[in-house]
Amino acid sequence: MLTPNMFREYDIRGIVGTDLTPEVVRTLGRAWGTWLRGRDCASAAVGRDCRESSPIFRDALIEGRTAPRVDVLEIRMVPTPVLYFAMFNRDVDAGVMITGSHNPKDFNGFKLNASR
């Protein structure tokens, strides 16, 4: 079940295991992939931070996003500015950074971007 308070103006943030589970992240990936395809976006870069939950959420997000047939360029564990660099210097239409940013370690989230 999606928790409404995890949707912020510029990102999605939630508590790992409560708001954000692999099932929820797959659903978010599928929804975002569908939204991207509706805007003729066919590819997206995926970056992540070093939080323990980030690789698990990367896998779930990619699994969800590939259902609507959005190609993924995984740029691995990088700081957020590297994701932005990849979005404008690689052949991708969008990007997502999996990061809890400045929040405590039990949080994680997603910065979703589309260049179209």
N, C-alpha and C. Protein backbone atom coordinates (compact mmCIF):
# COMPACT_ATOMS: atom_id res chain seq x y z
N MET A 1 0.84 -1.18 0.00
CA MET A 1 0.00 0.00 0.00
C MET A 1 0.89 1.24 0.00
N LEU A 2 0.52 2.22 -0.81
CA LEU A 2 1.28 3.47 -0.90
C LEU A 2 0.87 4.41 0.23
N THR A 3 1.85 4.99 0.90
CA THR A 3 1.62 5.94 1.97
C THR A 3 1.64 7.35 1.38
N PRO A 4 0.51 8.08 1.44
CA PRO A 4 0.44 9.40 0.79
C PRO A 4 1.50 10.39 1.25
N ASN A 5 1.91 10.35 2.52
CA ASN A 5 2.86 11.37 3.01
C ASN A 5 4.28 11.18 2.49
N MET A 6 4.54 10.09 1.76
CA MET A 6 5.90 9.92 1.21
C MET A 6 6.09 10.68 -0.10
N PHE A 7 5.02 11.18 -0.68
CA PHE A 7 5.11 11.95 -1.93
C PHE A 7 5.30 13.41 -1.60
N ARG A 8 6.46 13.93 -1.97
CA ARG A 8 6.81 15.32 -1.69
C ARG A 8 6.76 16.11 -2.99
N GLU A 9 7.01 17.40 -2.92
CA GLU A 9 6.96 18.23 -4.11
C GLU A 9 8.00 17.82 -5.16
N TYR A 10 9.20 17.48 -4.71
CA TYR A 10 10.28 17.19 -5.66
C TYR A 10 10.81 15.77 -5.59
N ASP A 11 10.31 14.96 -4.68
CA ASP A 11 10.83 13.61 -4.55
C ASP A 11 9.86 12.72 -3.79
N ILE A 12 10.28 11.50 -3.59
CA ILE A 12 9.53 10.52 -2.80
C ILE A 12 10.46 10.11 -1.67
N ARG A 13 10.00 10.18 -0.43
CA ARG A 13 10.80 9.80 0.74
C ARG A 13 9.94 8.96 1.67
N GLY A 14 10.55 7.94 2.26
CA GLY A 14 9.80 7.12 3.20
C GLY A 14 10.72 6.30 4.08
N ILE A 15 10.12 5.66 5.06
CA ILE A 15 10.84 4.80 5.98
C ILE A 15 10.97 3.42 5.36
N VAL A 16 12.18 2.92 5.31
CA VAL A 16 12.46 1.60 4.75
C VAL A 16 11.75 0.53 5.58
N GLY A 17 11.03 -0.35 4.89
CA GLY A 17 10.32 -1.43 5.55
C GLY A 17 8.93 -1.07 6.00
N THR A 18 8.64 0.22 6.10
CA THR A 18 7.29 0.68 6.48
C THR A 18 6.61 1.30 5.27
N ASP A 19 7.13 2.44 4.81
CA ASP A 19 6.59 3.11 3.62
C ASP A 19 7.15 2.49 2.35
N LEU A 20 8.42 2.16 2.37
CA LEU A 20 9.11 1.66 1.19
C LEU A 20 9.51 0.20 1.38
N THR A 21 8.90 -0.66 0.60
CA THR A 21 9.24 -2.08 0.55
C THR A 21 9.55 -2.40 -0.91
N PRO A 22 10.18 -3.52 -1.21
CA PRO A 22 10.41 -3.86 -2.61
C PRO A 22 9.12 -3.87 -3.44
N GLU A 23 8.03 -4.35 -2.87
CA GLU A 23 6.75 -4.36 -3.60
C GLU A 23 6.28 -2.94 -3.93
N VAL A 24 6.37 -2.04 -2.97
CA VAL A 24 5.97 -0.65 -3.20
C VAL A 24 6.88 -0.02 -4.26
N VAL A 25 8.18 -0.29 -4.18
CA VAL A 25 9.12 0.29 -5.13
C VAL A 25 8.88 -0.25 -6.54
N ARG A 26 8.54 -1.53 -6.68
CA ARG A 26 8.18 -2.08 -8.00
C ARG A 26 6.97 -1.35 -8.55
N THR A 27 5.98 -1.09 -7.71
CA THR A 27 4.78 -0.36 -8.13
C THR A 27 5.14 1.05 -8.56
N LEU A 28 5.99 1.73 -7.80
CA LEU A 28 6.44 3.07 -8.17
C LEU A 28 7.19 3.04 -9.50
N GLY A 29 8.05 2.06 -9.69
CA GLY A 29 8.80 1.92 -10.94
C GLY A 29 7.89 1.70 -12.12
N ARG A 30 6.89 0.86 -11.94
CA ARG A 30 5.93 0.59 -13.03
C ARG A 30 5.15 1.86 -13.36
N ALA A 31 4.71 2.59 -12.33
CA ALA A 31 3.94 3.82 -12.56
C ALA A 31 4.80 4.87 -13.26
N TRP A 32 6.04 5.03 -12.79
CA TRP A 32 6.90 6.03 -13.41
C TRP A 32 7.26 5.64 -14.83
N GLY A 33 7.52 4.36 -15.06
CA GLY A 33 7.80 3.89 -16.42
C GLY A 33 6.63 4.12 -17.36
N THR A 34 5.43 3.90 -16.88
CA THR A 34 4.22 4.16 -17.68
C THR A 34 4.10 5.64 -17.98
N TRP A 35 4.35 6.48 -16.99
CA TRP A 35 4.31 7.94 -17.18
C TRP A 35 5.34 8.36 -18.22
N LEU A 36 6.56 7.80 -18.12
CA LEU A 36 7.61 8.14 -19.08
C LEU A 36 7.22 7.73 -20.50
N ARG A 37 6.70 6.51 -20.67
CA ARG A 37 6.31 6.04 -22.00
C ARG A 37 5.21 6.92 -22.59
N GLY A 38 4.33 7.44 -21.76
CA GLY A 38 3.29 8.34 -22.22
C GLY A 38 3.83 9.66 -22.73
N ARG A 39 5.07 9.96 -22.40
CA ARG A 39 5.74 11.18 -22.87
C ARG A 39 6.86 10.87 -23.86
N ASP A 40 6.79 9.70 -24.47
CA ASP A 40 7.77 9.25 -25.47
C ASP A 40 9.19 9.14 -24.93
N CYS A 41 9.32 8.90 -23.64
CA CYS A 41 10.63 8.65 -23.04
C CYS A 41 10.85 7.13 -23.03
N ALA A 42 11.94 6.69 -23.63
CA ALA A 42 12.17 5.25 -23.77
C ALA A 42 13.34 4.75 -22.92
N SER A 43 14.07 5.66 -22.25
CA SER A 43 15.23 5.22 -21.48
C SER A 43 15.46 6.13 -20.28
N ALA A 44 16.08 5.55 -19.26
CA ALA A 44 16.35 6.33 -18.05
C ALA A 44 17.62 5.82 -17.38
N ALA A 45 18.37 6.75 -16.79
CA ALA A 45 19.54 6.40 -15.99
C ALA A 45 19.10 6.17 -14.55
N VAL A 46 19.76 5.22 -13.88
CA VAL A 46 19.46 4.92 -12.48
C VAL A 46 20.75 4.99 -11.69
N GLY A 47 20.75 5.85 -10.67
CA GLY A 47 21.88 5.94 -9.75
C GLY A 47 21.40 5.65 -8.34
N ARG A 48 22.32 5.36 -7.43
CA ARG A 48 21.94 5.07 -6.05
C ARG A 48 23.03 5.53 -5.10
N ASP A 49 22.62 5.75 -3.86
CA ASP A 49 23.58 6.10 -2.83
C ASP A 49 24.07 4.84 -2.12
N CYS A 50 24.76 5.00 -1.01
CA CYS A 50 25.39 3.86 -0.33
C CYS A 50 24.53 3.26 0.78
N ARG A 51 23.28 3.67 0.90
CA ARG A 51 22.42 3.09 1.94
C ARG A 51 22.21 1.61 1.71
N GLU A 52 22.04 0.88 2.79
CA GLU A 52 21.89 -0.57 2.72
C GLU A 52 20.70 -1.00 1.86
N SER A 53 19.63 -0.22 1.88
CA SER A 53 18.42 -0.57 1.12
C SER A 53 18.50 -0.16 -0.35
N SER A 54 19.46 0.66 -0.73
CA SER A 54 19.50 1.18 -2.10
C SER A 54 19.67 0.10 -3.18
N PRO A 55 20.55 -0.89 -3.01
CA PRO A 55 20.64 -1.92 -4.06
C PRO A 55 19.34 -2.74 -4.20
N ILE A 56 18.68 -3.01 -3.09
CA ILE A 56 17.40 -3.74 -3.13
C ILE A 56 16.36 -2.92 -3.87
N PHE A 57 16.30 -1.63 -3.56
CA PHE A 57 15.33 -0.76 -4.21
C PHE A 57 15.69 -0.53 -5.68
N ARG A 58 16.97 -0.51 -6.01
CA ARG A 58 17.38 -0.41 -7.42
C ARG A 58 16.82 -1.58 -8.21
N ASP A 59 16.99 -2.78 -7.69
CA ASP A 59 16.50 -3.97 -8.38
C ASP A 59 14.98 -3.93 -8.56
N ALA A 60 14.27 -3.54 -7.50
CA ALA A 60 12.80 -3.48 -7.57
C ALA A 60 12.34 -2.40 -8.53
N LEU A 61 13.00 -1.24 -8.50
CA LEU A 61 12.63 -0.14 -9.38
C LEU A 61 12.85 -0.51 -10.84
N ILE A 62 14.00 -1.10 -11.13
CA ILE A 62 14.30 -1.51 -12.51
C ILE A 62 13.32 -2.57 -12.97
N GLU A 63 13.01 -3.53 -12.10
CA GLU A 63 12.03 -4.56 -12.47
C GLU A 63 10.68 -3.93 -12.80
N GLY A 64 10.24 -2.97 -11.99
CA GLY A 64 8.98 -2.29 -12.25
C GLY A 64 9.02 -1.43 -13.50
N ARG A 65 10.13 -0.75 -13.71
CA ARG A 65 10.22 0.18 -14.83
C ARG A 65 10.34 -0.54 -16.16
N THR A 66 10.89 -1.71 -16.18
CA THR A 66 11.04 -2.41 -17.44
C THR A 66 9.72 -3.03 -17.91
N ALA A 67 8.74 -3.15 -17.02
CA ALA A 67 7.42 -3.66 -17.44
C ALA A 67 6.82 -2.78 -18.53
N PRO A 68 6.87 -1.43 -18.41
CA PRO A 68 6.39 -0.57 -19.51
C PRO A 68 7.44 -0.39 -20.62
N ARG A 69 8.49 -1.18 -20.60
CA ARG A 69 9.53 -1.17 -21.63
C ARG A 69 10.33 0.13 -21.69
N VAL A 70 10.82 0.53 -20.54
CA VAL A 70 11.75 1.65 -20.48
C VAL A 70 13.15 1.07 -20.27
N ASP A 71 14.06 1.35 -21.20
CA ASP A 71 15.43 0.86 -21.06
C ASP A 71 16.13 1.56 -19.91
N VAL A 72 17.03 0.85 -19.26
CA VAL A 72 17.70 1.38 -18.08
C VAL A 72 19.21 1.42 -18.30
N LEU A 73 19.81 2.56 -17.98
CA LEU A 73 21.26 2.69 -17.93
C LEU A 73 21.62 2.81 -16.45
N GLU A 74 22.18 1.75 -15.90
CA GLU A 74 22.53 1.78 -14.48
C GLU A 74 23.91 2.42 -14.33
N ILE A 75 23.97 3.49 -13.54
CA ILE A 75 25.25 4.17 -13.34
C ILE A 75 25.84 3.87 -11.96
N ARG A 76 25.20 2.96 -11.24
CA ARG A 76 25.69 2.41 -9.97
C ARG A 76 25.67 3.42 -8.84
N MET A 77 26.59 3.23 -7.86
CA MET A 77 26.63 4.09 -6.69
C MET A 77 27.41 5.35 -7.02
N VAL A 78 26.69 6.48 -7.04
CA VAL A 78 27.27 7.77 -7.42
C VAL A 78 26.62 8.89 -6.61
N PRO A 79 27.27 10.04 -6.52
CA PRO A 79 26.59 11.20 -5.95
C PRO A 79 25.54 11.73 -6.94
N THR A 80 24.54 12.38 -6.43
CA THR A 80 23.42 12.85 -7.26
C THR A 80 23.86 13.68 -8.47
N PRO A 81 24.84 14.58 -8.37
CA PRO A 81 25.22 15.34 -9.56
C PRO A 81 25.69 14.47 -10.73
N VAL A 82 26.21 13.29 -10.44
CA VAL A 82 26.64 12.40 -11.53
C VAL A 82 25.41 11.88 -12.29
N LEU A 83 24.31 11.64 -11.59
CA LEU A 83 23.08 11.26 -12.28
C LEU A 83 22.65 12.36 -13.24
N TYR A 84 22.66 13.61 -12.77
CA TYR A 84 22.27 14.72 -13.64
C TYR A 84 23.21 14.84 -14.84
N PHE A 85 24.50 14.63 -14.62
CA PHE A 85 25.46 14.65 -15.72
C PHE A 85 25.11 13.56 -16.74
N ALA A 86 24.81 12.35 -16.27
CA ALA A 86 24.46 11.24 -17.16
C ALA A 86 23.20 11.55 -17.95
N MET A 87 22.23 12.21 -17.33
CA MET A 87 20.99 12.52 -18.03
C MET A 87 21.22 13.40 -19.25
N PHE A 88 22.22 14.26 -19.21
CA PHE A 88 22.42 15.20 -20.30
C PHE A 88 23.64 14.87 -21.17
N ASN A 89 24.37 13.81 -20.79
CA ASN A 89 25.55 13.44 -21.57
C ASN A 89 25.52 12.00 -22.05
N ARG A 90 24.45 11.30 -21.78
CA ARG A 90 24.23 9.95 -22.28
C ARG A 90 22.91 9.94 -23.04
N ASP A 91 22.68 8.91 -23.78
CA ASP A 91 21.47 8.83 -24.59
C ASP A 91 20.31 8.29 -23.76
N VAL A 92 19.83 9.10 -22.80
CA VAL A 92 18.68 8.73 -21.96
C VAL A 92 17.70 9.90 -21.92
N ASP A 93 16.45 9.58 -21.64
CA ASP A 93 15.39 10.59 -21.59
C ASP A 93 15.03 11.00 -20.17
N ALA A 94 15.52 10.26 -19.18
CA ALA A 94 15.11 10.52 -17.80
C ALA A 94 16.15 9.95 -16.84
N GLY A 95 15.93 10.17 -15.56
CA GLY A 95 16.83 9.63 -14.55
C GLY A 95 16.16 9.55 -13.20
N VAL A 96 16.65 8.64 -12.39
CA VAL A 96 16.18 8.53 -11.01
C VAL A 96 17.38 8.26 -10.12
N MET A 97 17.43 8.99 -9.02
CA MET A 97 18.47 8.78 -8.01
C MET A 97 17.80 8.18 -6.79
N ILE A 98 18.29 7.03 -6.38
CA ILE A 98 17.79 6.38 -5.17
C ILE A 98 18.66 6.88 -4.03
N THR A 99 18.07 7.68 -3.15
CA THR A 99 18.85 8.30 -2.08
C THR A 99 17.95 8.74 -0.93
N GLY A 100 18.48 8.60 0.25
CA GLY A 100 17.80 9.11 1.43
C GLY A 100 18.24 10.53 1.74
N SER A 101 19.19 11.03 0.97
CA SER A 101 19.70 12.39 1.10
C SER A 101 20.20 12.63 2.53
N HIS A 102 19.73 13.68 3.14
CA HIS A 102 20.17 14.07 4.47
C HIS A 102 19.37 13.41 5.59
N ASN A 103 18.41 12.57 5.24
CA ASN A 103 17.54 11.95 6.24
C ASN A 103 18.26 10.82 6.99
N PRO A 104 17.73 10.44 8.17
CA PRO A 104 18.33 9.34 8.95
C PRO A 104 18.41 8.05 8.15
N LYS A 105 19.23 7.11 8.62
CA LYS A 105 19.52 5.89 7.86
C LYS A 105 18.32 4.99 7.63
N ASP A 106 17.25 5.14 8.39
CA ASP A 106 16.07 4.30 8.17
C ASP A 106 15.15 4.86 7.08
N PHE A 107 15.55 5.95 6.46
CA PHE A 107 14.81 6.54 5.34
C PHE A 107 15.52 6.20 4.02
N ASN A 108 14.77 6.25 2.94
CA ASN A 108 15.33 6.22 1.61
C ASN A 108 14.32 6.91 0.70
N GLY A 109 14.66 7.05 -0.58
CA GLY A 109 13.73 7.73 -1.46
C GLY A 109 14.23 7.80 -2.88
N PHE A 110 13.52 8.62 -3.67
CA PHE A 110 13.76 8.70 -5.10
C PHE A 110 13.63 10.14 -5.58
N LYS A 111 14.61 10.58 -6.36
CA LYS A 111 14.55 11.86 -7.06
C LYS A 111 14.30 11.49 -8.51
N LEU A 112 13.10 11.78 -9.02
CA LEU A 112 12.69 11.42 -10.36
C LEU A 112 12.83 12.61 -11.28
N ASN A 113 13.41 12.38 -12.46
CA ASN A 113 13.64 13.46 -13.42
C ASN A 113 13.34 12.98 -14.83
N ALA A 114 12.80 13.87 -15.63
CA ALA A 114 12.60 13.57 -17.05
C ALA A 114 13.05 14.78 -17.86
N SER A 115 13.76 14.53 -18.93
CA SER A 115 14.26 15.64 -19.74
C SER A 115 13.30 16.01 -20.87
N ARG A 116 12.19 15.31 -20.97
CA ARG A 116 11.17 15.63 -21.99
C ARG A 116 9.90 16.08 -21.33
